[in-house]
Amino acid sequence: MNNDSKDLRNGGQILVEALCRNSVNTIYCVPGESYLPVLDALAGHQEIKTINTRHEGAASNMADAYGKITGRPGIAFVTRGPGATHAANGVHTAMQDSTPMILFIGQVGTGIKEREGFQEIDYRQMFGRVAKWATEIESIDRIPEIIHRAFNVAMSGRKGPVVIALPEDVLFGTANVLDLPKALVGESHPAPTAISEIEALLKNAQRPLVIVGGTGWTPEAQHHLKSFVQRFNLPVAAGFRRQDVLDNRNPHYVGQLGLGISAALADQVKQSDLLIVLGSRLSEVTSGNYEIIKSPLPDQKLVHAHADAGEINRVFHADVPVCATVEATISALDKLPDLVSPPAWGKWTETARANYIAHNSPVPRSPEQTGVELSHVVAHLSKSLPEDSFICNGAGNYTVWVHRFFQYKQLGTELASTNGAMGYGLPAAIAAKIERPESTVVCFAGDGCFMMYPQELATAIQFGAAIIVIVVNNGMLGTIRMHQEREYPGRVSATDLVNPDFVALAQSFGAYAERVEKDEDFAEAFQRAKRSGRAALLELCTDPAQITPQARLKTH
């Protein structure tokens, strides 16, 4: 742990050195005068790319996406006050999504705190219940220590965001401090008795179901999952927006537990007598509002494996609690001996898979439907895109089509916020393309969702991120309109949208753009967008009455 520098360094230089030692290669930011020494230390830096976005919310969402893709904390820098409040969106996403992330915020000098100085906020209070850890570096000597701890907190147990405030005097001050090595996180392993108990439950089960979710999945864990479920012929359902854990073409994959869940899969979860839950915390959405999996006492026997002890028995009573990483857990399960006789649930698994295939098939157009049928578009991309393609999206009813009709093939290729944050898809897509430039990156966004961060097309152009944005334009906030029709039929309030010319808007940024009004025109339009070699936008004109794949509004 020798200090490589014999000279005094300012706080910005010490901080950037700590990031380098933790293998940071990209940061996302909106520059601010409150952290000028950091920006100066990054100037011309060969190891770290600095991506300056047009909105702090986009920067924090990009950091979240980076964390999902790499498993390492995404790094964002924003200025104090308004910068921090804008960036809070990504922190909330990272917390609910269990994504490793570190947000740095400029802060007023320590000598003038608590006078409500220019843009001053108490960030420990502001983020104390939103992030895993919110702190402030109050001494330049402690920068390496706190950064080291931040990486450990962000990556250990249930992964999540850390927020660190940076007072100006700490950044501008100078010191000769000891640099620390890269933070290393230990792995927790399941107890042998727990694995034996799971084996006994499997032997006595008639209708078992594996549920996968959360973060911390690796290619090795995915390999063991595939082997385990194949040897035991187990059906596997994905938690909400965790559909990329197991290749959806695998004969054991049976669908997703989330918004737009199939009725057949919901029934099978209820009928199951054993749930083996790996990595998922069984959120409200995944558990069907705690109805298909009841809280606190499920109807099914529950094996709950999670890396964070605080998540086990917090909402659901577990018959076998396993505090361990998903990789350690599934590796241990894959070492279980094969069953002596064929399992009793062969037909159960076969039926679950058949139900998924039927639900995954594109739906026919209704006679009165106009515009593009989204299931045909999504199914076309599912069949034609390379296996390592990223699919990114925010929130809205359009996502029901995406999650239902796209088959995810590789781990880490579904970038979607589990907290339902609108606007997430476009920043996430830019982060994905910058980190994986060789991959095709597609962003789906509703017209309302896209308009949360449309200015980030400028970021995509500036940094050569040749993403393809598909704007599903139905002229309304469809999800809320759907709920209005259920609760207050015929009383439309605040959900109609008057949109810009999306094609002209995209072209004004220098992006390629087309409008698509017919199903049969999409494939060639997509190819033209891809061949353009730059950020592109395809506006899909869809029927506003087609509120879900099955349901139509009576009036619109």
Protein backbone atom coordinates (compact mmCIF):
# COMPACT_ATOMS: atom_id res chain seq x y z
CA MET A 1 0.00 0.00 0.00
CA ASN A 2 2.71 2.44 -0.95
CA ASN A 3 1.70 5.95 -1.91
CA ASP A 4 2.76 6.44 -5.52
CA SER A 5 2.90 10.25 -5.11
CA LYS A 6 5.46 12.09 -3.03
CA ASP A 7 3.91 15.46 -3.80
CA LEU A 8 0.98 17.26 -2.29
CA ARG A 9 -2.23 16.67 -4.20
CA ASN A 10 -5.55 18.44 -4.04
CA GLY A 11 -8.71 16.61 -3.07
CA GLY A 12 -9.84 16.22 -6.67
CA GLN A 13 -6.60 14.48 -7.62
CA ILE A 14 -6.75 12.18 -4.58
CA LEU A 15 -10.37 11.30 -5.39
CA VAL A 16 -9.70 10.52 -9.05
CA GLU A 17 -6.73 8.35 -8.06
CA ALA A 18 -9.04 6.39 -5.73
CA LEU A 19 -11.49 5.86 -8.61
CA CYS A 20 -8.68 4.63 -10.87
CA ARG A 21 -7.56 2.15 -8.24
CA ASN A 22 -11.12 0.77 -8.21
CA SER A 23 -11.08 0.16 -11.97
CA VAL A 24 -13.42 3.02 -12.88
CA ASN A 25 -13.30 3.59 -16.64
CA THR A 26 -16.30 5.91 -17.16
CA ILE A 27 -18.03 8.66 -15.26
CA TYR A 28 -21.26 10.47 -16.17
CA CYS A 29 -21.74 14.05 -15.12
CA VAL A 30 -23.17 17.50 -15.55
CA PRO A 31 -20.23 19.81 -14.73
CA GLY A 32 -20.53 22.18 -11.78
CA GLU A 33 -18.25 24.73 -10.18
CA SER A 34 -18.66 22.90 -6.87
CA TYR A 35 -16.32 20.09 -7.97
CA LEU A 36 -13.91 21.87 -10.33
CA PRO A 37 -10.80 20.10 -8.90
CA VAL A 38 -12.31 16.74 -9.89
CA LEU A 39 -13.03 17.96 -13.43
CA ASP A 40 -9.46 19.26 -13.65
CA ALA A 41 -8.05 15.93 -12.48
CA LEU A 42 -10.11 14.19 -15.18
CA ALA A 43 -8.91 16.52 -17.93
CA GLY A 44 -7.07 14.49 -20.51
CA HIS A 45 -7.23 11.41 -18.29
CA GLN A 46 -6.35 8.28 -20.26
CA GLU A 47 -8.03 5.70 -18.02
CA ILE A 48 -11.39 7.35 -17.39
CA LYS A 49 -13.89 8.55 -20.01
CA THR A 50 -15.90 11.58 -18.93
CA ILE A 51 -19.41 11.65 -20.41
CA ASN A 52 -21.06 15.02 -19.85
CA THR A 53 -24.82 14.62 -20.17
CA ARG A 54 -27.48 17.31 -20.63
CA HIS A 55 -29.40 16.54 -17.42
CA GLU A 56 -28.34 15.20 -14.04
CA GLY A 57 -31.19 12.68 -14.05
CA ALA A 58 -29.75 11.23 -17.24
CA ALA A 59 -26.27 11.07 -15.71
CA SER A 60 -27.51 9.12 -12.69
CA ASN A 61 -29.57 6.78 -14.89
CA MET A 62 -26.54 6.14 -17.09
CA ALA A 63 -24.55 5.27 -13.97
CA ASP A 64 -27.29 2.83 -12.96
CA ALA A 65 -27.23 1.21 -16.41
CA TYR A 66 -23.44 0.89 -16.25
CA GLY A 67 -23.79 -0.86 -12.90
CA LYS A 68 -26.30 -3.31 -14.36
CA ILE A 69 -24.06 -4.07 -17.34
CA THR A 70 -20.74 -4.47 -15.54
CA GLY A 71 -21.63 -5.44 -11.97
CA ARG A 72 -19.30 -2.63 -10.83
CA PRO A 73 -20.55 0.68 -9.42
CA GLY A 74 -21.59 3.23 -12.01
CA ILE A 75 -20.13 6.64 -11.18
CA ALA A 76 -21.93 9.97 -11.52
CA PHE A 77 -20.89 13.51 -10.53
CA VAL A 78 -23.36 16.36 -10.16
CA THR A 79 -23.27 19.78 -8.62
CA ARG A 80 -25.03 20.71 -5.39
CA GLY A 81 -28.65 21.71 -4.89
CA PRO A 82 -30.59 21.44 -8.17
CA GLY A 83 -28.01 19.03 -9.55
CA ALA A 84 -28.51 16.70 -6.62
CA THR A 85 -32.30 16.85 -6.70
CA HIS A 86 -32.30 16.04 -10.42
CA ALA A 87 -29.95 13.12 -9.87
CA ALA A 88 -32.15 11.67 -7.11
CA ASN A 89 -34.16 9.88 -9.81
CA GLY A 90 -31.27 7.56 -10.63
CA VAL A 91 -30.48 6.95 -6.96
CA HIS A 92 -34.03 5.76 -6.30
CA THR A 93 -33.81 3.51 -9.36
CA ALA A 94 -30.50 2.05 -8.23
CA MET A 95 -31.89 1.39 -4.75
CA GLN A 96 -35.02 -0.42 -5.87
CA ASP A 97 -33.12 -2.20 -8.66
CA SER A 98 -30.25 -3.24 -6.32
CA THR A 99 -27.70 -1.69 -8.68
CA PRO A 100 -24.19 -0.76 -7.51
CA MET A 101 -23.69 2.97 -8.01
CA ILE A 102 -21.85 5.92 -6.44
CA LEU A 103 -23.16 9.47 -6.81
CA PHE A 104 -20.78 12.32 -5.94
CA ILE A 105 -22.29 15.72 -5.19
CA GLY A 106 -20.52 19.05 -4.80
CA GLN A 107 -21.13 20.73 -1.45
CA VAL A 108 -20.61 24.13 0.13
CA GLY A 109 -17.44 24.60 2.17
CA THR A 110 -17.43 23.12 5.65
CA GLY A 111 -16.89 26.55 7.21
CA ILE A 112 -20.23 27.90 6.01
CA LYS A 113 -22.48 24.88 6.47
CA GLU A 114 -25.95 25.21 8.05
CA ARG A 115 -26.40 28.81 6.90
CA GLU A 116 -28.46 27.75 3.87
CA GLY A 117 -25.70 28.87 1.57
CA PHE A 118 -26.03 28.91 -2.20
CA GLN A 119 -27.56 25.55 -3.24
CA GLU A 120 -26.83 24.02 0.18
CA ILE A 121 -28.61 20.80 1.17
CA ASP A 122 -27.95 18.29 3.95
CA TYR A 123 -27.31 15.24 1.77
CA ARG A 124 -27.18 12.78 4.63
CA GLN A 125 -30.79 13.67 5.41
CA MET A 126 -31.88 14.00 1.80
CA PHE A 127 -30.55 10.60 0.70
CA GLY A 128 -30.43 8.83 4.04
CA ARG A 129 -33.49 6.67 3.32
CA VAL A 130 -33.02 6.48 -0.45
CA ALA A 131 -29.43 5.23 -0.72
CA LYS A 132 -27.63 2.38 1.06
CA TRP A 133 -25.25 4.94 2.54
CA ALA A 134 -25.18 8.74 2.35
CA THR A 135 -22.18 10.57 3.73
CA GLU A 136 -19.94 13.62 3.40
CA ILE A 137 -16.16 13.75 3.26
CA GLU A 138 -15.24 16.29 5.93
CA SER A 139 -11.45 15.83 5.85
CA ILE A 140 -9.17 15.52 2.84
CA ASP A 141 -7.16 12.84 4.67
CA ARG A 142 -10.16 10.50 4.63
CA ILE A 143 -10.90 10.58 0.90
CA PRO A 144 -9.23 7.20 0.13
CA GLU A 145 -10.84 5.55 3.16
CA ILE A 146 -14.37 6.71 2.35
CA ILE A 147 -14.08 5.86 -1.35
CA HIS A 148 -12.82 2.39 -0.41
CA ARG A 149 -15.78 1.90 1.92
CA ALA A 150 -18.21 3.27 -0.69
CA PHE A 151 -17.22 0.58 -3.20
CA ASN A 152 -17.61 -2.10 -0.53
CA VAL A 153 -21.06 -0.86 0.49
CA ALA A 154 -22.25 -0.52 -3.12
CA MET A 155 -21.19 -4.06 -4.06
CA SER A 156 -21.79 -6.10 -0.92
CA GLY A 157 -24.98 -7.83 0.22
CA ARG A 158 -27.89 -6.28 -1.60
CA LYS A 159 -26.07 -4.06 -4.08
CA GLY A 160 -27.15 -0.44 -4.23
CA PRO A 161 -26.28 3.26 -4.41
CA VAL A 162 -23.96 5.30 -2.23
CA VAL A 163 -24.11 9.11 -2.12
CA ILE A 164 -21.03 11.14 -1.18
CA ALA A 165 -21.02 14.92 -0.72
CA LEU A 166 -17.79 16.76 -1.50
CA PRO A 167 -17.26 20.11 0.30
CA GLU A 168 -15.37 22.64 -1.82
CA ASP A 169 -12.59 23.16 0.74
CA VAL A 170 -11.93 19.41 0.85
CA LEU A 171 -11.56 19.29 -2.94
CA PHE A 172 -9.45 22.45 -3.23
CA GLY A 173 -7.31 21.63 -0.19
CA THR A 174 -4.00 19.76 -0.47
CA ALA A 175 -2.46 16.87 1.44
CA ASN A 176 -0.09 13.94 1.14
CA VAL A 177 -2.26 10.92 1.89
CA LEU A 178 -1.92 7.18 1.56
CA ASP A 179 -3.77 5.67 -1.40
CA LEU A 180 -5.63 2.42 -0.78
CA PRO A 181 -5.82 -0.66 -3.03
CA LYS A 182 -8.92 -1.75 -4.91
CA ALA A 183 -11.88 -2.61 -2.67
CA LEU A 184 -12.57 -6.34 -2.56
CA VAL A 185 -15.92 -7.84 -1.58
CA GLY A 186 -16.19 -11.23 0.08
CA GLU A 187 -18.69 -13.86 -1.03
CA SER A 188 -21.15 -15.49 1.36
CA HIS A 189 -21.89 -19.21 0.91
CA PRO A 190 -24.93 -21.31 1.84
CA ALA A 191 -24.71 -23.58 4.85
CA PRO A 192 -24.52 -27.31 3.99
CA THR A 193 -27.61 -27.91 6.15
CA ALA A 194 -29.61 -25.47 4.00
CA ILE A 195 -28.65 -27.30 0.82
CA SER A 196 -29.67 -30.60 2.42
CA GLU A 197 -33.03 -29.11 3.38
CA ILE A 198 -33.59 -27.90 -0.18
CA GLU A 199 -32.76 -31.38 -1.47
CA ALA A 200 -35.36 -32.89 0.89
CA LEU A 201 -38.01 -30.38 -0.19
CA LEU A 202 -37.32 -31.16 -3.86
CA LYS A 203 -37.71 -34.90 -3.28
CA ASN A 204 -41.15 -34.33 -1.76
CA ALA A 205 -42.36 -31.66 -4.21
CA GLN A 206 -45.02 -32.17 -6.85
CA ARG A 207 -45.15 -28.70 -8.45
CA PRO A 208 -41.87 -26.83 -7.86
CA LEU A 209 -40.98 -23.50 -9.46
CA VAL A 210 -37.68 -21.63 -9.56
CA ILE A 211 -37.84 -17.81 -9.49
CA VAL A 212 -34.72 -15.88 -10.50
CA GLY A 213 -34.06 -12.19 -10.05
CA GLY A 214 -32.03 -9.54 -8.31
CA THR A 215 -28.47 -8.66 -9.21
CA GLY A 216 -25.11 -10.36 -8.80
CA TRP A 217 -25.65 -12.90 -11.58
CA THR A 218 -22.52 -13.89 -13.47
CA PRO A 219 -21.93 -16.11 -16.53
CA GLU A 220 -20.76 -18.83 -14.14
CA ALA A 221 -23.95 -18.55 -12.07
CA GLN A 222 -26.00 -18.62 -15.26
CA HIS A 223 -24.18 -21.77 -16.36
CA HIS A 224 -24.95 -23.53 -13.07
CA LEU A 225 -28.58 -22.39 -13.23
CA LYS A 226 -29.00 -23.89 -16.69
CA SER A 227 -27.40 -27.15 -15.56
CA PHE A 228 -29.42 -27.39 -12.33
CA VAL A 229 -32.83 -26.79 -13.89
CA GLN A 230 -32.06 -29.12 -16.78
CA ARG A 231 -30.99 -32.00 -14.52
CA PHE A 232 -34.06 -31.60 -12.32
CA ASN A 233 -36.41 -30.57 -15.16
CA LEU A 234 -37.52 -27.47 -13.25
CA PRO A 235 -39.58 -24.57 -14.63
CA VAL A 236 -37.95 -21.14 -14.22
CA ALA A 237 -39.83 -17.83 -13.99
CA ALA A 238 -38.08 -14.45 -14.02
CA GLY A 239 -38.77 -11.71 -11.51
CA PHE A 240 -39.96 -8.32 -12.76
CA ARG A 241 -37.55 -7.05 -15.43
CA ARG A 242 -35.03 -9.82 -14.76
CA GLN A 243 -35.83 -11.79 -17.91
CA ASP A 244 -32.20 -11.94 -19.05
CA VAL A 245 -31.02 -14.25 -16.24
CA LEU A 246 -31.89 -17.36 -18.28
CA ASP A 247 -32.04 -17.52 -22.09
CA ASN A 248 -35.76 -17.28 -22.85
CA ARG A 249 -35.37 -19.92 -25.58
CA ASN A 250 -34.35 -22.45 -22.94
CA PRO A 251 -37.10 -25.11 -22.63
CA HIS A 252 -37.23 -24.52 -18.87
CA TYR A 253 -37.99 -20.79 -19.07
CA VAL A 254 -41.71 -20.20 -18.45
CA GLY A 255 -42.18 -16.41 -18.40
CA GLN A 256 -41.93 -13.30 -16.28
CA LEU A 257 -43.58 -12.36 -13.01
CA GLY A 258 -44.39 -8.71 -13.45
CA LEU A 259 -46.62 -6.26 -15.21
CA GLY A 260 -48.46 -8.09 -17.98
CA ILE A 261 -47.95 -11.53 -16.40
CA SER A 262 -49.90 -14.26 -18.16
CA ALA A 263 -52.94 -15.58 -16.32
CA ALA A 264 -51.63 -19.12 -16.77
CA LEU A 265 -48.31 -18.35 -15.10
CA ALA A 266 -50.01 -16.52 -12.23
CA ASP A 267 -52.16 -19.62 -11.66
CA GLN A 268 -49.11 -21.88 -11.74
CA VAL A 269 -47.34 -19.80 -9.11
CA LYS A 270 -50.40 -20.10 -6.88
CA GLN A 271 -50.60 -23.87 -7.49
CA SER A 272 -46.90 -24.42 -6.85
CA ASP A 273 -45.99 -26.31 -3.67
CA LEU A 274 -42.32 -25.25 -3.63
CA LEU A 275 -40.75 -21.94 -4.64
CA ILE A 276 -36.96 -21.81 -4.95
CA VAL A 277 -36.24 -18.08 -5.11
CA LEU A 278 -32.71 -17.15 -6.18
CA GLY A 279 -31.59 -13.54 -5.82
CA SER A 280 -35.00 -11.90 -5.99
CA ARG A 281 -36.32 -10.00 -2.99
CA LEU A 282 -39.87 -10.81 -4.24
CA SER A 283 -41.01 -7.23 -4.67
CA GLU A 284 -44.61 -6.09 -4.81
CA VAL A 285 -44.68 -6.44 -8.61
CA THR A 286 -42.94 -9.84 -8.75
CA SER A 287 -45.20 -11.23 -6.03
CA GLY A 288 -48.37 -9.94 -7.73
CA ASN A 289 -49.12 -7.33 -5.07
CA TYR A 290 -48.37 -10.04 -2.47
CA GLU A 291 -51.31 -12.06 -3.75
CA ILE A 292 -49.84 -14.81 -5.96
CA ILE A 293 -47.12 -15.11 -3.33
CA LYS A 294 -48.71 -14.13 -0.05
CA SER A 295 -47.00 -12.10 2.66
CA PRO A 296 -45.97 -12.78 5.33
CA LEU A 297 -46.77 -16.53 5.06
CA PRO A 298 -46.81 -17.91 1.50
CA ASP A 299 -49.07 -20.82 0.63
CA GLN A 300 -46.06 -22.50 -0.95
CA LYS A 301 -42.96 -23.84 0.76
CA LEU A 302 -40.36 -21.11 0.28
CA VAL A 303 -36.63 -21.38 -0.23
CA HIS A 304 -35.33 -17.81 -0.28
CA ALA A 305 -31.69 -17.26 -1.23
CA HIS A 306 -30.40 -13.71 -1.12
CA ALA A 307 -26.99 -12.14 -0.54
CA ASP A 308 -28.34 -9.75 2.09
CA ALA A 309 -29.52 -11.11 5.44
CA GLY A 310 -31.72 -8.05 5.81
CA GLU A 311 -33.89 -9.16 2.89
CA ILE A 312 -34.57 -12.67 4.17
CA ASN A 313 -37.69 -13.00 6.35
CA ARG A 314 -38.28 -9.27 5.98
CA VAL A 315 -41.47 -9.62 3.91
CA PHE A 316 -41.92 -13.38 3.51
CA HIS A 317 -41.41 -16.22 5.95
CA ALA A 318 -38.82 -18.56 4.43
CA ASP A 319 -38.93 -22.28 5.20
CA VAL A 320 -35.28 -22.44 4.16
CA PRO A 321 -33.50 -19.06 4.43
CA VAL A 322 -30.18 -18.93 2.57
CA CYS A 323 -27.94 -15.90 3.07
CA ALA A 324 -25.52 -16.26 0.18
CA THR A 325 -24.72 -14.85 -3.24
CA VAL A 326 -26.63 -16.28 -6.17
CA GLU A 327 -23.42 -17.67 -7.66
CA ALA A 328 -22.50 -19.56 -4.48
CA THR A 329 -26.08 -20.79 -4.01
CA ILE A 330 -26.72 -22.05 -7.51
CA SER A 331 -23.25 -23.61 -7.65
CA ALA A 332 -24.09 -25.60 -4.50
CA LEU A 333 -27.49 -26.61 -5.85
CA ASP A 334 -25.91 -27.77 -9.09
CA LYS A 335 -23.82 -30.22 -7.05
CA LEU A 336 -26.91 -32.00 -5.73
CA PRO A 337 -27.09 -35.62 -6.91
CA ASP A 338 -29.60 -36.43 -9.63
CA LEU A 339 -32.93 -37.80 -8.48
CA VAL A 340 -33.05 -41.59 -8.50
CA SER A 341 -36.28 -41.66 -10.52
CA PRO A 342 -37.70 -39.10 -12.97
CA PRO A 343 -39.25 -36.17 -11.08
CA ALA A 344 -42.99 -36.11 -10.58
CA TRP A 345 -43.33 -32.68 -12.16
CA GLY A 346 -42.46 -33.46 -15.77
CA LYS A 347 -45.91 -32.61 -17.09
CA TRP A 348 -46.00 -29.52 -14.82
CA THR A 349 -42.86 -28.11 -16.44
CA GLU A 350 -44.01 -29.04 -19.95
CA THR A 351 -47.34 -27.26 -19.46
CA ALA A 352 -45.70 -24.15 -18.05
CA ARG A 353 -43.40 -23.91 -21.06
CA ALA A 354 -46.26 -24.46 -23.52
CA ASN A 355 -48.25 -21.70 -21.83
CA TYR A 356 -45.26 -19.35 -22.17
CA ILE A 357 -44.85 -20.11 -25.89
CA ALA A 358 -48.53 -19.40 -26.48
CA HIS A 359 -48.36 -16.14 -24.53
CA ASN A 360 -45.16 -15.11 -26.31
CA SER A 361 -46.63 -15.44 -29.81
CA PRO A 362 -47.60 -12.17 -31.58
CA VAL A 363 -51.27 -11.27 -31.39
CA PRO A 364 -53.46 -10.79 -34.47
CA ARG A 365 -54.68 -7.31 -35.31
CA SER A 366 -58.22 -6.48 -34.31
CA PRO A 367 -60.41 -5.48 -37.28
CA GLU A 368 -60.72 -1.87 -36.13
CA GLN A 369 -57.05 -1.43 -35.18
CA THR A 370 -55.03 1.26 -36.96
CA GLY A 371 -51.32 2.00 -37.13
CA VAL A 372 -48.51 -0.32 -36.17
CA GLU A 373 -49.20 -3.52 -34.21
CA LEU A 374 -46.42 -3.46 -31.63
CA SER A 375 -46.29 -7.21 -31.00
CA HIS A 376 -45.21 -7.75 -34.62
CA VAL A 377 -42.42 -5.17 -34.26
CA VAL A 378 -41.11 -6.66 -31.01
CA ALA A 379 -41.31 -10.23 -32.33
CA HIS A 380 -39.41 -9.22 -35.47
CA LEU A 381 -36.60 -7.71 -33.39
CA SER A 382 -36.57 -10.73 -31.09
CA LYS A 383 -35.91 -13.02 -34.06
CA SER A 384 -33.55 -10.79 -36.03
CA LEU A 385 -31.32 -8.96 -33.54
CA PRO A 386 -27.92 -10.40 -32.55
CA GLU A 387 -27.99 -12.32 -29.27
CA ASP A 388 -25.89 -9.70 -27.45
CA SER A 389 -28.26 -6.84 -28.31
CA PHE A 390 -29.46 -4.61 -25.48
CA ILE A 391 -33.14 -3.79 -25.04
CA CYS A 392 -33.68 -0.69 -22.91
CA ASN A 393 -36.93 0.85 -21.72
CA GLY A 394 -38.50 3.08 -19.12
CA ALA A 395 -42.13 2.90 -17.98
CA GLY A 396 -45.51 2.83 -19.69
CA ASN A 397 -47.98 0.39 -21.19
CA TYR A 398 -45.77 -0.03 -24.26
CA THR A 399 -43.40 -2.05 -22.05
CA VAL A 400 -46.03 -4.80 -21.71
CA TRP A 401 -45.47 -5.60 -25.40
CA VAL A 402 -41.68 -5.50 -24.98
CA HIS A 403 -41.57 -7.82 -21.97
CA ARG A 404 -44.11 -10.22 -23.44
CA PHE A 405 -42.92 -10.62 -27.02
CA PHE A 406 -39.13 -10.19 -26.82
CA GLN A 407 -36.97 -13.17 -25.90
CA TYR A 408 -33.81 -12.15 -24.02
CA LYS A 409 -30.83 -14.34 -24.85
CA GLN A 410 -27.84 -13.11 -22.86
CA LEU A 411 -27.24 -12.01 -19.29
CA GLY A 412 -27.26 -8.25 -18.70
CA THR A 413 -29.05 -7.29 -21.92
CA GLU A 414 -32.33 -6.17 -20.34
CA LEU A 415 -31.90 -2.60 -19.12
CA ALA A 416 -35.16 -1.55 -17.51
CA SER A 417 -35.99 0.12 -14.22
CA THR A 418 -37.84 -2.05 -11.69
CA ASN A 419 -39.04 1.10 -9.94
CA GLY A 420 -41.00 2.14 -13.03
CA ALA A 421 -39.04 5.31 -13.77
CA MET A 422 -40.16 7.01 -16.96
CA GLY A 423 -37.36 8.18 -19.22
CA TYR A 424 -34.88 5.52 -18.11
CA GLY A 425 -34.50 3.80 -21.48
CA LEU A 426 -32.72 6.53 -23.47
CA PRO A 427 -29.94 7.29 -20.94
CA ALA A 428 -29.52 3.55 -20.32
CA ALA A 429 -29.16 2.90 -24.05
CA ILE A 430 -26.47 5.56 -24.40
CA ALA A 431 -24.52 4.09 -21.48
CA ALA A 432 -24.82 0.60 -22.98
CA LYS A 433 -23.59 1.69 -26.41
CA ILE A 434 -20.62 3.58 -24.95
CA GLU A 435 -19.66 0.59 -22.80
CA ARG A 436 -20.40 -2.06 -25.46
CA PRO A 437 -19.96 -0.25 -28.81
CA GLU A 438 -19.96 -3.51 -30.77
CA SER A 439 -23.49 -4.44 -29.59
CA THR A 440 -26.78 -3.33 -31.11
CA VAL A 441 -28.65 -1.18 -28.59
CA VAL A 442 -32.37 -0.55 -28.94
CA CYS A 443 -34.36 1.79 -26.73
CA PHE A 444 -38.14 1.48 -26.56
CA ALA A 445 -39.94 4.55 -25.24
CA GLY A 446 -43.51 5.74 -25.20
CA ASP A 447 -44.16 9.28 -26.37
CA GLY A 448 -44.50 10.40 -22.75
CA CYS A 449 -41.49 8.38 -21.63
CA PHE A 450 -39.23 9.68 -24.40
CA MET A 451 -40.01 13.31 -23.60
CA MET A 452 -38.52 12.95 -20.13
CA TYR A 453 -34.96 13.05 -21.54
CA PRO A 454 -35.15 13.80 -25.30
CA GLN A 455 -32.21 16.19 -25.02
CA GLU A 456 -29.92 13.21 -24.40
CA LEU A 457 -29.97 12.57 -28.14
CA ALA A 458 -27.39 15.36 -28.13
CA THR A 459 -25.26 13.28 -25.75
CA ALA A 460 -25.60 10.26 -28.03
CA ILE A 461 -24.48 12.29 -31.04
CA GLN A 462 -21.60 13.92 -29.17
CA PHE A 463 -20.15 10.60 -28.01
CA GLY A 464 -20.92 8.57 -31.12
CA ALA A 465 -23.46 6.29 -29.43
CA ALA A 466 -25.29 4.84 -32.43
CA ILE A 467 -28.37 3.69 -30.55
CA ILE A 468 -31.76 3.09 -32.16
CA VAL A 469 -34.69 4.69 -30.34
CA ILE A 470 -38.18 3.38 -31.05
CA VAL A 471 -40.78 5.91 -29.93
CA VAL A 472 -44.22 4.33 -29.53
CA ASN A 473 -46.52 7.28 -30.19
CA ASN A 474 -50.16 6.93 -29.19
CA GLY A 475 -50.66 10.54 -28.07
CA MET A 476 -51.36 9.73 -24.44
CA LEU A 477 -49.99 8.55 -21.13
CA GLY A 478 -51.38 5.09 -21.71
CA THR A 479 -50.84 3.49 -18.31
CA ILE A 480 -52.65 6.22 -16.41
CA ARG A 481 -55.39 6.33 -19.05
CA MET A 482 -55.89 2.59 -18.58
CA HIS A 483 -56.27 3.07 -14.82
CA GLN A 484 -58.64 6.00 -15.37
CA GLU A 485 -60.88 3.87 -17.57
CA ARG A 486 -61.00 1.21 -14.86
CA GLU A 487 -61.68 3.57 -11.96
CA TYR A 488 -63.50 6.46 -13.67
CA PRO A 489 -64.82 5.28 -17.06
CA GLY A 490 -65.09 7.99 -19.70
CA ARG A 491 -63.54 10.70 -17.50
CA VAL A 492 -60.22 11.54 -19.12
CA SER A 493 -57.99 13.87 -17.12
CA ALA A 494 -54.41 15.05 -17.84
CA THR A 495 -53.43 12.04 -19.94
CA ASP A 496 -53.74 13.44 -23.49
CA LEU A 497 -50.44 14.55 -25.03
CA VAL A 498 -49.70 17.09 -27.76
CA ASN A 499 -46.34 15.94 -29.11
CA PRO A 500 -43.67 17.54 -31.24
CA ASP A 501 -42.71 16.20 -34.65
CA PHE A 502 -40.45 13.44 -33.35
CA VAL A 503 -38.73 12.93 -36.70
CA ALA A 504 -37.89 16.63 -37.04
CA LEU A 505 -36.84 16.79 -33.39
CA ALA A 506 -34.41 13.90 -33.80
CA GLN A 507 -33.04 15.29 -37.05
CA SER A 508 -32.38 18.63 -35.36
CA PHE A 509 -29.90 16.81 -33.09
CA GLY A 510 -28.21 15.23 -36.09
CA ALA A 511 -29.83 11.83 -35.63
CA TYR A 512 -31.30 9.67 -38.38
CA ALA A 513 -35.11 9.53 -38.15
CA GLU A 514 -38.17 8.02 -39.86
CA ARG A 515 -41.87 7.70 -39.15
CA VAL A 516 -43.41 4.21 -39.48
CA GLU A 517 -47.17 3.84 -39.91
CA LYS A 518 -47.51 0.22 -41.13
CA ASP A 519 -46.21 -3.08 -39.78
CA GLU A 520 -44.74 -4.09 -43.10
CA ASP A 521 -42.60 -0.95 -43.29
CA PHE A 522 -40.78 -1.47 -39.99
CA ALA A 523 -38.11 -4.04 -40.91
CA GLU A 524 -36.62 -1.98 -43.73
CA ALA A 525 -36.86 1.25 -41.71
CA PHE A 526 -34.96 -0.42 -38.88
CA GLN A 527 -32.23 -1.55 -41.25
CA ARG A 528 -31.89 1.96 -42.65
CA ALA A 529 -31.60 3.31 -39.12
CA LYS A 530 -28.91 0.77 -38.29
CA ARG A 531 -26.98 1.43 -41.50
CA SER A 532 -26.97 5.17 -40.80
CA GLY A 533 -24.12 4.59 -38.36
CA ARG A 534 -25.35 7.24 -35.94
CA ALA A 535 -28.02 7.66 -33.30
CA ALA A 536 -31.40 7.03 -34.90
CA LEU A 537 -35.08 7.40 -34.02
CA LEU A 538 -38.04 5.53 -35.44
CA GLU A 539 -41.46 6.90 -34.56
CA LEU A 540 -44.13 4.20 -34.54
CA CYS A 541 -47.66 5.52 -34.99
CA THR A 542 -49.85 3.19 -32.95
CA ASP A 543 -53.57 2.97 -32.26
CA PRO A 544 -54.39 4.93 -29.08
CA ALA A 545 -57.37 2.66 -28.48
CA GLN A 546 -55.14 -0.43 -28.25
CA ILE A 547 -54.23 0.08 -24.62
CA THR A 548 -52.76 -3.43 -24.02
CA PRO A 549 -52.17 -6.44 -26.31
CA GLN A 550 -55.68 -7.68 -25.41
CA ALA A 551 -57.67 -4.61 -24.37
CA ARG A 552 -59.05 -1.71 -26.39
CA LEU A 553 -60.51 1.54 -25.13
CA LYS A 554 -64.13 2.13 -26.03
CA THR A 555 -63.49 5.82 -26.60
CA HIS A 556 -60.26 7.74 -27.12
